[in-house]
Amino acid sequence: MPKLTIYSEQKKHEVEFNVEKTVLECIQSLGLTFHAPCGGKGNCKKCSVDVEYIGNFEANTTGKPHGIPEANATGKPHGISEANATVTQTTFLACQVMAKDGMIVFLRKEDNDAMSIDVEGTKTLWTPTPDATGLGIAFDLGTTTLAARLIDMRNGNILAQSARVNPQTVFGADVISRIDASMTGKLPEMTACIREALIGLIDELLQQHESESRAFLEINKIVLAGNTVMQHIFCSMPPDSIGVAPFTPLSLFGDNHTINELPVPLFMAPCIGSYVGGDISCGMLVSQMDDTSSGTGILVDLGTNGELALCHNGRIICCATAAGPVFEGANIRYGMPALPGAINAVFHENGRLRLETIANASASGFCGTGIIDIVAHLVNMGIVDETGMMSSSGFDGLGLLDGHPAFYPLPNSDICITQEDIRNLQLGKSAIMAGIRVLLEAANVTVDEIRFLHIAGGFGKKLNLKSAARIGLFPIELLDRASAIGNSCIEGASAALVSTEAMQRLLAIPKQCEYIELSTSASFNMHFMQEMMF
């Protein structure tokens, strides 16, 4: 049977295949963490791999990423013993190359050990249930990132916390790509890789706590929250029906599920609708939007799927916007997750831009907060006008990329912001703002009546609210009432884990909620076009 070899972080994997497969599909079958934001459509140009092959090698050269030379190098590849072998060595997009017998593929290192995700804390915010014992695990099952906490059930103390890239990014950056993957028969692989990742996070938590392996048996409660699609995939439920009208999920959860890989059942947070999941239910719990005394306010959970909720006079109205994965660093030329080297903040000082990176590492690209920051500064500086058009000259740092304007914030670096990046950010921010406008209309309230605006998301409290308001992510009138509350999903899951009261309130939240389907809303489409401007 034909066999392909894949090297990932010094590990060797062999994939046998008896039907035609792309290299990306072979990587997907292994459950390896590998970024392929467009899910294999050839659009994002981010699934590049180094390929070595003996003999004639034909590949789709149109799939080559920018900057790869046309000429193929020859030589003796790593791991091939034939001394006189003629070898083709080059870099291609994994989704554009068909697997061949004897092919060797090298993946670039994915750093999962230092995710900059807001899970930090020392104690849960709710009073633990009396007489509780043992350990508990709270999971945030994000589309792009995973976060977990190990909690002492007796007192609510957070014993350890960790985060990593969701390995399902190999199937695409957003939930639509994951639904497409499920429809093409890849649900088992997606379920297997996410469960394996969560088991790995549990092992990391126990190691941080210096627990012996027997401590795993002391885990007596697990709470998991994510969007509706992610919870379906984790439970091996096809999310296919969520992707087509009338967008009906198989389950809205709020119950326990047993899987073979874990010693105790998992409680799956209750979802509101097809695209408003358990993550925002947890966010509403933390924001106490179910409490009528909290007043009129808005919660925006920024991720690959923007989820929004507005509370007013005991009503909670929800919707979800297809903001795309731009706030997670995808769909951006030099975008990346919140890993060391990601530019996460930009400052304008003495007429120059100063960039801050995670862990003070050498800049590798922009994560979500850095993208919002730098575009806000480009607008302020006049490099980008209100329509989103980038100037072609007249400013330091401006240059060309593929014949189009690009801004290079660092000297002697290829890292840049392109015109296409600006457009993708406009689409994402316009979707969020249009969703807010629809909620205000549905509740018949004005911006002046909003007492608070909570912005949640994996990038936590690093979001610069002034930058977010400047690009039009939310109404600028709410800037003085806005707060970045960090990872409200993990906070809500932690609360439900340790507190019976919090669990009861979490279960009751969906009953208070009204769901608006924006895909059929004429009002949303109108606002979406209006809010494209900066």
Protein backbone atom coordinates (compact mmCIF):
# COMPACT_ATOMS: atom_id res chain seq x y z
CA MET A 1 0.00 0.00 0.00
CA PRO A 2 1.35 3.53 -0.78
CA LYS A 3 2.90 5.23 2.22
CA LEU A 4 3.79 8.82 3.05
CA THR A 5 6.09 9.91 5.89
CA ILE A 6 5.47 13.06 7.93
CA TYR A 7 7.93 14.61 10.35
CA SER A 8 6.41 16.82 13.05
CA GLU A 9 8.64 18.32 15.76
CA GLN A 10 11.21 15.52 15.45
CA LYS A 11 8.47 12.85 15.46
CA LYS A 12 8.02 10.47 12.57
CA HIS A 13 4.53 9.51 11.39
CA GLU A 14 3.68 7.13 8.57
CA VAL A 15 0.37 7.30 6.71
CA GLU A 16 -0.83 4.51 4.44
CA PHE A 17 -3.46 5.37 1.85
CA ASN A 18 -5.32 3.37 -0.75
CA VAL A 19 -7.36 6.24 -2.21
CA GLU A 20 -6.27 9.60 -3.59
CA LYS A 21 -5.53 12.06 -0.79
CA THR A 22 -3.90 15.42 -0.52
CA VAL A 23 -1.01 15.85 1.89
CA LEU A 24 -3.34 17.97 4.05
CA GLU A 25 -5.82 15.11 4.31
CA CYS A 26 -2.99 12.83 5.44
CA ILE A 27 -2.04 15.36 8.13
CA GLN A 28 -5.70 15.58 9.19
CA SER A 29 -5.89 11.81 9.60
CA LEU A 30 -3.07 11.97 12.17
CA GLY A 31 -4.74 14.65 14.32
CA LEU A 32 -1.61 16.81 14.29
CA THR A 33 -1.80 20.50 15.17
CA PHE A 34 -1.37 22.29 11.86
CA HIS A 35 -2.88 25.56 10.70
CA ALA A 36 -5.02 25.38 7.56
CA PRO A 37 -7.45 28.29 8.05
CA CYS A 38 -9.42 27.82 4.82
CA GLY A 39 -9.84 24.08 5.42
CA GLY A 40 -8.08 23.00 2.23
CA LYS A 41 -9.63 25.32 -0.35
CA GLY A 42 -6.26 26.81 -1.34
CA ASN A 43 -7.31 30.35 -0.41
CA CYS A 44 -5.39 31.19 2.77
CA LYS A 45 -1.92 30.13 1.54
CA LYS A 46 -0.91 29.14 5.10
CA CYS A 47 -0.57 25.35 4.95
CA SER A 48 2.89 25.33 3.40
CA VAL A 49 5.05 22.24 3.98
CA ASP A 50 8.50 21.13 2.90
CA VAL A 51 8.27 18.14 0.58
CA GLU A 52 10.94 15.67 -0.53
CA TYR A 53 10.28 13.05 -3.17
CA ILE A 54 12.39 10.60 -5.18
CA GLY A 55 11.84 10.81 -8.92
CA ASN A 56 9.51 13.00 -10.93
CA PHE A 57 7.31 15.14 -8.76
CA GLU A 58 4.34 16.96 -10.19
CA ALA A 59 2.39 19.37 -8.01
CA ASN A 60 -0.04 22.21 -8.48
CA THR A 61 2.39 25.10 -8.76
CA THR A 62 -0.48 27.56 -8.48
CA GLY A 63 -0.66 26.51 -4.85
CA LYS A 64 2.80 27.81 -4.07
CA PRO A 65 2.83 30.43 -1.33
CA HIS A 66 4.26 33.88 -2.07
CA GLY A 67 8.03 33.98 -2.19
CA ILE A 68 8.71 30.34 -3.11
CA PRO A 69 11.08 30.16 -6.11
CA GLU A 70 9.97 28.30 -9.21
CA ALA A 71 13.12 26.19 -9.43
CA ASN A 72 13.26 22.92 -7.48
CA ALA A 73 16.38 22.05 -5.55
CA THR A 74 17.85 18.57 -5.77
CA GLY A 75 19.85 16.63 -3.25
CA LYS A 76 19.71 13.86 -0.72
CA PRO A 77 16.77 14.29 1.64
CA HIS A 78 16.64 13.55 5.33
CA GLY A 79 15.77 9.93 5.98
CA ILE A 80 16.45 8.61 2.47
CA SER A 81 19.26 6.13 2.22
CA GLU A 82 19.69 5.82 -1.54
CA ALA A 83 23.06 7.45 -2.11
CA ASN A 84 22.47 8.28 -5.76
CA ALA A 85 18.79 9.14 -5.53
CA THR A 86 17.56 12.11 -7.51
CA VAL A 87 15.34 14.00 -5.14
CA THR A 88 12.89 16.84 -5.65
CA GLN A 89 12.82 19.25 -2.69
CA THR A 90 10.46 22.17 -2.52
CA THR A 91 7.75 23.92 -0.51
CA PHE A 92 4.11 23.65 -1.46
CA LEU A 93 0.68 24.12 0.07
CA ALA A 94 -0.33 20.84 1.69
CA CYS A 95 -3.86 21.12 0.32
CA GLN A 96 -2.59 21.46 -3.27
CA VAL A 97 -0.26 18.44 -3.35
CA MET A 98 -1.45 14.87 -3.84
CA ALA A 99 0.19 12.30 -1.60
CA LYS A 100 2.65 9.99 -3.38
CA ASP A 101 4.23 6.75 -2.28
CA GLY A 102 7.62 7.49 -0.72
CA MET A 103 6.97 11.20 -0.23
CA ILE A 104 8.47 12.83 2.88
CA VAL A 105 6.78 15.88 4.39
CA PHE A 106 8.19 18.20 7.05
CA LEU A 107 5.82 20.29 9.17
CA ARG A 108 6.92 23.51 10.79
CA LYS A 109 7.04 23.59 14.57
CA GLU A 110 3.80 24.53 16.29
CA ASP A 111 4.39 26.07 19.73
CA ASN A 112 1.53 24.88 21.93
CA ASP A 113 3.31 25.28 25.24
CA ALA A 114 2.98 29.02 25.72
CA MET A 115 -0.44 30.06 24.51
CA SER A 116 -1.25 33.57 25.69
CA ILE A 117 -4.86 32.86 26.63
CA ASP A 118 -6.57 34.53 29.53
CA VAL A 119 -7.06 31.64 31.97
CA GLU A 120 -5.08 33.10 34.84
CA GLY A 121 -6.63 33.29 38.28
CA THR A 122 -6.20 32.03 41.82
CA LYS A 123 -9.76 31.33 42.90
CA THR A 124 -13.18 30.97 41.33
CA LEU A 125 -15.57 33.86 41.88
CA TRP A 126 -18.38 31.76 43.40
CA THR A 127 -18.69 30.16 46.83
CA PRO A 128 -18.04 26.42 46.53
CA THR A 129 -20.77 23.94 47.36
CA PRO A 130 -20.41 22.69 50.97
CA ASP A 131 -18.95 19.21 51.48
CA ALA A 132 -17.53 19.06 47.95
CA THR A 133 -14.34 17.01 47.62
CA GLY A 134 -11.72 16.04 45.07
CA LEU A 135 -10.63 17.86 41.95
CA GLY A 136 -12.58 19.40 39.12
CA ILE A 137 -11.73 20.41 35.56
CA ALA A 138 -13.17 23.39 33.68
CA PHE A 139 -12.70 23.42 29.89
CA ASP A 140 -13.07 26.22 27.37
CA LEU A 141 -13.50 24.43 24.04
CA GLY A 142 -12.71 27.26 21.62
CA THR A 143 -12.70 26.97 17.86
CA THR A 144 -9.10 28.20 17.70
CA THR A 145 -7.79 27.70 21.23
CA LEU A 146 -8.38 25.41 24.18
CA ALA A 147 -8.07 26.38 27.84
CA ALA A 148 -8.39 24.34 31.01
CA ARG A 149 -8.26 24.74 34.77
CA LEU A 150 -7.67 22.27 37.58
CA ILE A 151 -9.71 23.35 40.62
CA ASP A 152 -9.85 22.19 44.23
CA MET A 153 -13.56 21.51 44.72
CA ARG A 154 -13.36 22.08 48.47
CA ASN A 155 -12.42 25.75 48.33
CA GLY A 156 -12.53 26.85 44.69
CA ASN A 157 -8.76 27.37 44.50
CA ILE A 158 -7.32 27.17 40.99
CA LEU A 159 -4.44 24.71 41.25
CA ALA A 160 -3.20 24.81 37.64
CA GLN A 161 -4.20 26.20 34.26
CA SER A 162 -3.09 25.67 30.70
CA ALA A 163 -3.97 26.45 27.09
CA ARG A 164 -3.05 25.27 23.61
CA VAL A 165 -4.02 25.58 19.97
CA ASN A 166 -7.07 23.57 19.03
CA PRO A 167 -5.67 20.83 16.74
CA GLN A 168 -8.87 21.02 14.68
CA THR A 169 -7.40 24.10 12.98
CA VAL A 170 -6.06 21.59 10.44
CA PHE A 171 -9.69 21.23 9.28
CA GLY A 172 -10.22 24.99 8.93
CA ALA A 173 -10.26 28.12 11.08
CA ASP A 174 -14.00 28.58 11.59
CA VAL A 175 -17.07 26.53 12.43
CA ILE A 176 -18.31 26.53 8.83
CA SER A 177 -15.08 24.80 7.75
CA ARG A 178 -15.57 22.23 10.54
CA ILE A 179 -19.16 21.60 9.42
CA ASP A 180 -17.92 21.14 5.84
CA ALA A 181 -15.30 18.67 7.11
CA SER A 182 -17.99 16.72 8.96
CA MET A 183 -20.12 16.59 5.83
CA THR A 184 -17.21 15.02 3.95
CA GLY A 185 -16.81 12.24 6.51
CA LYS A 186 -14.12 13.73 8.77
CA LEU A 187 -16.15 13.89 11.99
CA PRO A 188 -14.36 10.86 13.57
CA GLU A 189 -10.93 12.46 13.03
CA MET A 190 -12.10 15.80 14.43
CA THR A 191 -13.65 14.15 17.48
CA ALA A 192 -10.58 12.02 18.12
CA CYS A 193 -8.09 14.88 17.90
CA ILE A 194 -10.05 17.21 20.19
CA ARG A 195 -10.52 14.53 22.82
CA GLU A 196 -6.83 13.66 22.67
CA ALA A 197 -5.97 17.35 23.10
CA LEU A 198 -8.16 17.67 26.19
CA ILE A 199 -6.64 14.54 27.72
CA GLY A 200 -3.25 16.14 27.07
CA LEU A 201 -4.36 19.31 28.85
CA ILE A 202 -5.47 17.27 31.87
CA ASP A 203 -2.04 15.63 31.98
CA GLU A 204 -0.39 19.07 31.83
CA LEU A 205 -2.57 20.34 34.68
CA LEU A 206 -1.74 17.37 36.88
CA GLN A 207 1.97 17.76 36.13
CA GLN A 208 1.82 21.45 37.03
CA HIS A 209 0.19 20.49 40.30
CA GLU A 210 2.85 17.81 40.75
CA SER A 211 0.15 15.21 41.18
CA GLU A 212 0.76 11.52 40.83
CA SER A 213 -1.12 9.64 38.13
CA ARG A 214 -3.61 8.46 40.75
CA ALA A 215 -4.81 12.07 41.06
CA PHE A 216 -6.64 11.54 37.78
CA LEU A 217 -8.93 9.22 39.69
CA GLU A 218 -9.69 12.05 42.14
CA ILE A 219 -11.25 14.15 39.39
CA ASN A 220 -14.92 13.88 40.16
CA LYS A 221 -16.45 16.64 38.05
CA ILE A 222 -15.77 18.14 34.62
CA VAL A 223 -17.55 21.09 32.98
CA LEU A 224 -16.99 21.85 29.30
CA ALA A 225 -18.22 24.91 27.38
CA GLY A 226 -17.84 25.86 23.75
CA ASN A 227 -19.91 26.99 20.82
CA THR A 228 -22.71 24.71 19.64
CA VAL A 229 -20.72 23.27 16.74
CA MET A 230 -17.67 22.50 18.87
CA GLN A 231 -19.79 20.78 21.52
CA HIS A 232 -21.42 18.65 18.82
CA ILE A 233 -18.05 17.58 17.43
CA PHE A 234 -16.67 16.76 20.87
CA CYS A 235 -19.67 14.51 21.55
CA SER A 236 -19.30 12.89 18.09
CA MET A 237 -22.60 14.41 16.98
CA PRO A 238 -22.65 15.53 13.33
CA PRO A 239 -23.06 19.33 13.24
CA ASP A 240 -24.17 19.11 9.60
CA SER A 241 -27.74 20.31 10.23
CA ILE A 242 -26.39 23.52 11.79
CA GLY A 243 -24.84 24.46 8.46
CA VAL A 244 -28.03 24.41 6.38
CA ALA A 245 -31.43 26.06 6.77
CA PRO A 246 -33.25 25.97 9.15
CA PHE A 247 -29.93 25.62 11.09
CA THR A 248 -31.22 23.12 13.66
CA PRO A 249 -28.73 21.55 16.11
CA LEU A 250 -29.12 17.95 17.24
CA SER A 251 -28.80 19.07 20.88
CA LEU A 252 -28.63 22.21 22.99
CA PHE A 253 -26.90 20.22 25.75
CA GLY A 254 -27.06 21.29 29.40
CA ASP A 255 -26.54 17.65 30.37
CA ASN A 256 -23.90 15.02 31.11
CA HIS A 257 -22.05 13.01 28.46
CA THR A 258 -19.84 9.97 28.99
CA ILE A 259 -16.81 9.23 26.81
CA ASN A 260 -14.40 6.34 27.13
CA GLU A 261 -11.33 8.54 27.46
CA LEU A 262 -12.40 10.17 30.75
CA PRO A 263 -13.16 8.59 34.14
CA VAL A 264 -16.23 10.71 34.92
CA PRO A 265 -19.06 12.21 32.82
CA LEU A 266 -18.63 15.69 31.40
CA PHE A 267 -21.29 18.30 31.91
CA MET A 268 -21.80 20.14 28.61
CA ALA A 269 -22.84 23.77 29.09
CA PRO A 270 -26.31 24.66 27.77
CA CYS A 271 -26.47 26.35 24.35
CA ILE A 272 -28.98 28.96 23.21
CA GLY A 273 -29.14 28.23 19.49
CA SER A 274 -27.24 26.97 16.48
CA TYR A 275 -24.54 29.62 16.70
CA VAL A 276 -24.99 30.87 20.27
CA GLY A 277 -23.38 28.22 22.41
CA GLY A 278 -22.40 27.21 25.90
CA ASP A 279 -19.50 29.65 25.82
CA ILE A 280 -21.79 32.68 25.81
CA SER A 281 -24.14 31.05 28.34
CA CYS A 282 -21.12 30.95 30.66
CA GLY A 283 -20.31 34.54 29.73
CA MET A 284 -23.83 35.64 30.64
CA LEU A 285 -23.50 33.86 33.98
CA VAL A 286 -20.25 35.68 34.76
CA SER A 287 -21.73 39.00 33.62
CA GLN A 288 -24.86 38.27 35.70
CA MET A 289 -27.05 39.19 32.76
CA ASP A 290 -29.72 36.88 34.17
CA ASP A 291 -30.07 39.23 37.16
CA THR A 292 -32.65 41.93 36.41
CA SER A 293 -30.89 44.30 38.80
CA SER A 294 -27.80 44.36 36.56
CA GLY A 295 -29.51 46.81 34.22
CA THR A 296 -29.39 47.09 30.45
CA GLY A 297 -26.14 45.85 28.94
CA ILE A 298 -24.44 44.01 26.12
CA LEU A 299 -22.03 41.07 26.07
CA VAL A 300 -19.89 40.50 22.98
CA ASP A 301 -17.82 37.32 22.80
CA LEU A 302 -15.20 37.82 20.08
CA GLY A 303 -13.96 34.71 18.39
CA THR A 304 -14.23 32.99 15.06
CA ASN A 305 -17.98 33.22 15.58
CA GLY A 306 -19.03 36.50 17.18
CA GLU A 307 -21.76 35.85 19.77
CA LEU A 308 -23.76 38.70 21.26
CA ALA A 309 -26.38 39.13 23.98
CA LEU A 310 -28.36 42.13 25.25
CA CYS A 311 -30.23 42.14 28.56
CA HIS A 312 -33.07 44.58 29.25
CA ASN A 313 -35.93 44.41 31.76
CA GLY A 314 -35.54 40.67 32.32
CA ARG A 315 -35.22 39.84 28.60
CA ILE A 316 -32.04 38.46 27.07
CA ILE A 317 -31.84 38.72 23.28
CA CYS A 318 -29.02 36.84 21.50
CA CYS A 319 -27.58 36.57 18.04
CA ALA A 320 -24.44 35.34 16.32
CA THR A 321 -22.50 36.98 13.53
CA ALA A 322 -20.24 35.35 10.96
CA ALA A 323 -17.33 37.60 11.91
CA GLY A 324 -14.82 35.13 10.53
CA PRO A 325 -11.58 34.13 12.24
CA VAL A 326 -9.86 37.51 11.80
CA PHE A 327 -9.99 38.22 15.56
CA GLU A 328 -8.08 34.98 16.11
CA GLY A 329 -5.35 36.03 13.65
CA ALA A 330 -6.61 33.98 10.71
CA ASN A 331 -7.48 35.44 7.29
CA ILE A 332 -4.59 37.88 7.84
CA ARG A 333 -1.45 37.61 5.66
CA TYR A 334 0.85 37.57 8.69
CA GLY A 335 -1.80 36.63 11.24
CA MET A 336 -1.23 33.99 13.90
CA PRO A 337 -2.63 32.71 17.21
CA ALA A 338 -1.56 34.28 20.50
CA LEU A 339 1.81 32.51 20.63
CA PRO A 340 5.26 33.86 21.53
CA GLY A 341 6.32 36.30 18.83
CA ALA A 342 2.78 37.44 18.03
CA ILE A 343 2.45 41.23 17.92
CA ASN A 344 -0.30 41.82 20.46
CA ALA A 345 -0.10 45.60 21.03
CA VAL A 346 0.93 48.65 19.00
CA PHE A 347 1.71 52.13 20.36
CA HIS A 348 2.22 55.44 18.56
CA GLU A 349 5.07 57.27 20.29
CA ASN A 350 7.09 60.27 19.09
CA GLY A 351 5.77 59.92 15.57
CA ARG A 352 6.71 56.22 15.36
CA LEU A 353 4.98 52.91 15.96
CA ARG A 354 6.26 50.69 18.74
CA LEU A 355 5.24 47.04 18.63
CA GLU A 356 4.92 44.70 21.60
CA THR A 357 5.15 40.92 21.21
CA ILE A 358 4.05 38.06 23.41
CA ALA A 359 6.93 36.90 25.63
CA ASN A 360 9.07 39.67 24.10
CA ALA A 361 10.00 37.22 21.37
CA SER A 362 11.04 38.22 17.85
CA ALA A 363 8.00 39.32 15.86
CA SER A 364 6.43 36.55 13.77
CA GLY A 365 3.04 38.05 12.92
CA PHE A 366 -0.09 39.64 14.37
CA CYS A 367 -2.60 38.09 16.76
CA GLY A 368 -6.10 39.56 17.11
CA THR A 369 -5.37 42.44 19.48
CA GLY A 370 -2.32 43.50 17.46
CA ILE A 371 -4.36 43.57 14.25
CA ILE A 372 -7.01 45.79 15.83
CA ASP A 373 -4.32 48.07 17.27
CA ILE A 374 -2.26 48.59 14.15
CA VAL A 375 -5.26 49.21 11.89
CA ALA A 376 -6.59 51.79 14.36
CA HIS A 377 -3.22 53.56 14.21
CA LEU A 378 -3.13 53.40 10.41
CA VAL A 379 -6.54 55.06 10.33
CA ASN A 380 -5.43 57.72 12.81
CA MET A 381 -2.28 58.40 10.78
CA GLY A 382 -4.22 58.75 7.52
CA ILE A 383 -2.53 55.75 5.92
CA VAL A 384 -5.95 54.08 5.73
CA ASP A 385 -8.97 56.26 4.92
CA GLU A 386 -12.53 55.90 6.21
CA THR A 387 -13.43 53.56 3.34
CA GLY A 388 -10.57 51.21 4.24
CA MET A 389 -8.43 52.17 1.26
CA MET A 390 -4.70 52.13 1.97
CA SER A 391 -2.45 54.85 0.57
CA SER A 392 0.18 53.76 -1.91
CA SER A 393 2.84 56.33 -1.01
CA GLY A 394 3.69 59.34 1.13
CA PHE A 395 4.27 57.55 4.43
CA ASP A 396 7.23 55.75 5.97
CA GLY A 397 6.70 52.01 5.96
CA LEU A 398 4.49 51.89 2.89
CA GLY A 399 5.53 49.52 0.13
CA LEU A 400 4.12 47.03 -2.32
CA LEU A 401 3.31 43.34 -2.04
CA ASP A 402 2.20 41.50 -5.16
CA GLY A 403 1.66 44.90 -6.76
CA HIS A 404 -0.68 46.18 -4.04
CA PRO A 405 -0.07 48.62 -1.16
CA ALA A 406 1.21 47.14 2.10
CA PHE A 407 2.42 48.68 5.35
CA TYR A 408 5.66 47.33 6.86
CA PRO A 409 5.85 48.38 10.54
CA LEU A 410 9.28 46.81 11.17
CA PRO A 411 12.51 47.62 9.32
CA ASN A 412 14.14 44.72 7.48
CA SER A 413 11.12 42.47 8.00
CA ASP A 414 8.59 40.87 5.63
CA ILE A 415 5.80 41.27 8.20
CA CYS A 416 3.19 43.67 6.87
CA ILE A 417 -0.47 44.64 6.82
CA THR A 418 -2.02 44.35 3.37
CA GLN A 419 -5.05 45.89 1.71
CA GLU A 420 -6.72 42.48 1.87
CA ASP A 421 -6.05 42.33 5.63
CA ILE A 422 -7.80 45.69 6.02
CA ARG A 423 -10.82 44.40 4.08
CA ASN A 424 -11.04 41.22 6.16
CA LEU A 425 -10.95 43.24 9.37
CA GLN A 426 -13.68 45.52 7.99
CA LEU A 427 -15.88 42.49 7.32
CA GLY A 428 -15.35 41.16 10.84
CA LYS A 429 -15.87 44.42 12.71
CA SER A 430 -18.87 45.35 10.54
CA ALA A 431 -20.55 42.04 11.38
CA ILE A 432 -20.10 42.64 15.12
CA MET A 433 -21.36 46.23 14.96
CA ALA A 434 -24.33 45.25 12.79
CA GLY A 435 -25.23 42.55 15.31
CA ILE A 436 -25.20 45.14 18.09
CA ARG A 437 -27.47 47.41 16.05
CA VAL A 438 -29.96 44.58 15.49
CA LEU A 439 -30.06 43.77 19.21
CA LEU A 440 -30.68 47.43 20.09
CA GLU A 441 -33.58 47.52 17.63
CA ALA A 442 -35.04 44.24 18.89
CA ALA A 443 -34.98 45.46 22.49
CA ASN A 444 -36.19 48.94 21.47
CA VAL A 445 -33.40 50.62 23.42
CA THR A 446 -30.91 53.31 22.48
CA VAL A 447 -27.15 53.41 22.92
CA ASP A 448 -27.64 55.95 25.72
CA GLU A 449 -29.62 53.40 27.75
CA ILE A 450 -26.77 50.84 27.75
CA ARG A 451 -25.15 50.72 31.19
CA PHE A 452 -22.32 48.31 30.32
CA LEU A 453 -20.61 46.69 27.36
CA HIS A 454 -18.57 43.59 28.21
CA ILE A 455 -16.18 42.32 25.54
CA ALA A 456 -15.06 38.77 26.14
CA GLY A 457 -12.66 36.61 24.18
CA GLY A 458 -9.55 34.51 24.35
CA PHE A 459 -7.29 37.56 24.00
CA GLY A 460 -8.51 38.59 27.44
CA LYS A 461 -7.78 41.98 28.85
CA LYS A 462 -5.08 42.85 26.30
CA LEU A 463 -7.66 44.34 23.94
CA ASN A 464 -7.20 48.10 23.58
CA LEU A 465 -10.76 49.42 23.86
CA LYS A 466 -9.86 52.75 22.26
CA SER A 467 -8.52 50.94 19.21
CA ALA A 468 -11.62 48.73 19.06
CA ALA A 469 -13.90 51.77 19.20
CA ARG A 470 -11.78 53.59 16.61
CA ILE A 471 -12.21 50.91 13.97
CA GLY A 472 -15.94 50.67 14.72
CA LEU A 473 -16.07 47.35 16.52
CA PHE A 474 -18.67 48.86 18.86
CA PRO A 475 -20.41 52.26 19.13
CA ILE A 476 -17.86 54.84 20.18
CA GLU A 477 -20.44 56.31 22.58
CA LEU A 478 -20.01 53.18 24.72
CA LEU A 479 -16.25 53.55 25.16
CA ASP A 480 -16.55 54.86 28.72
CA ARG A 481 -18.92 51.98 29.59
CA ALA A 482 -16.89 49.25 27.89
CA SER A 483 -14.67 46.70 29.59
CA ALA A 484 -12.60 43.79 28.33
CA ILE A 485 -13.54 40.99 30.74
CA GLY A 486 -11.24 38.32 29.37
CA ASN A 487 -12.14 34.66 29.03
CA SER A 488 -15.68 34.64 30.41
CA CYS A 489 -16.20 31.12 29.08
CA ILE A 490 -13.61 29.55 31.40
CA GLU A 491 -14.83 31.72 34.29
CA GLY A 492 -18.42 30.58 33.80
CA ALA A 493 -17.42 26.94 33.44
CA SER A 494 -15.35 27.24 36.64
CA ALA A 495 -18.31 28.76 38.49
CA ALA A 496 -20.67 25.98 37.39
CA LEU A 497 -18.04 23.44 38.37
CA VAL A 498 -17.74 24.47 42.02
CA SER A 499 -21.10 26.06 42.84
CA THR A 500 -24.53 24.44 42.79
CA GLU A 501 -26.12 27.91 42.68
CA ALA A 502 -24.04 28.87 39.64
CA MET A 503 -24.93 25.59 37.91
CA GLN A 504 -28.64 26.17 38.50
CA ARG A 505 -28.42 29.71 37.15
CA LEU A 506 -26.46 28.51 34.11
CA LEU A 507 -29.15 25.95 33.32
CA ALA A 508 -31.88 28.58 33.67
CA ILE A 509 -30.25 31.15 31.35
CA PRO A 510 -31.44 29.62 28.02
CA LYS A 511 -35.05 29.87 29.22
CA GLN A 512 -34.64 33.65 29.46
CA CYS A 513 -33.12 34.00 26.02
CA GLU A 514 -34.60 34.96 22.67
CA TYR A 515 -32.58 34.06 19.60
CA ILE A 516 -32.44 36.14 16.41
CA GLU A 517 -31.25 34.41 13.23
CA LEU A 518 -29.22 37.09 11.44
CA SER A 519 -28.78 35.18 8.18
CA THR A 520 -32.39 35.99 7.31
CA SER A 521 -32.46 39.50 8.79
CA ALA A 522 -32.82 42.37 6.31
CA SER A 523 -31.97 44.79 9.12
CA PHE A 524 -28.65 43.04 9.71
CA ASN A 525 -27.73 43.23 6.03
CA MET A 526 -28.52 46.95 5.96
CA HIS A 527 -26.44 47.70 9.05
CA PHE A 528 -23.62 45.48 7.82
CA MET A 529 -23.15 47.62 4.73
CA GLN A 530 -23.42 50.86 6.71
CA GLU A 531 -20.85 49.82 9.31
CA MET A 532 -18.09 48.90 6.85
CA MET A 533 -16.63 52.40 7.14
CA PHE A 534 -13.96 53.29 9.69
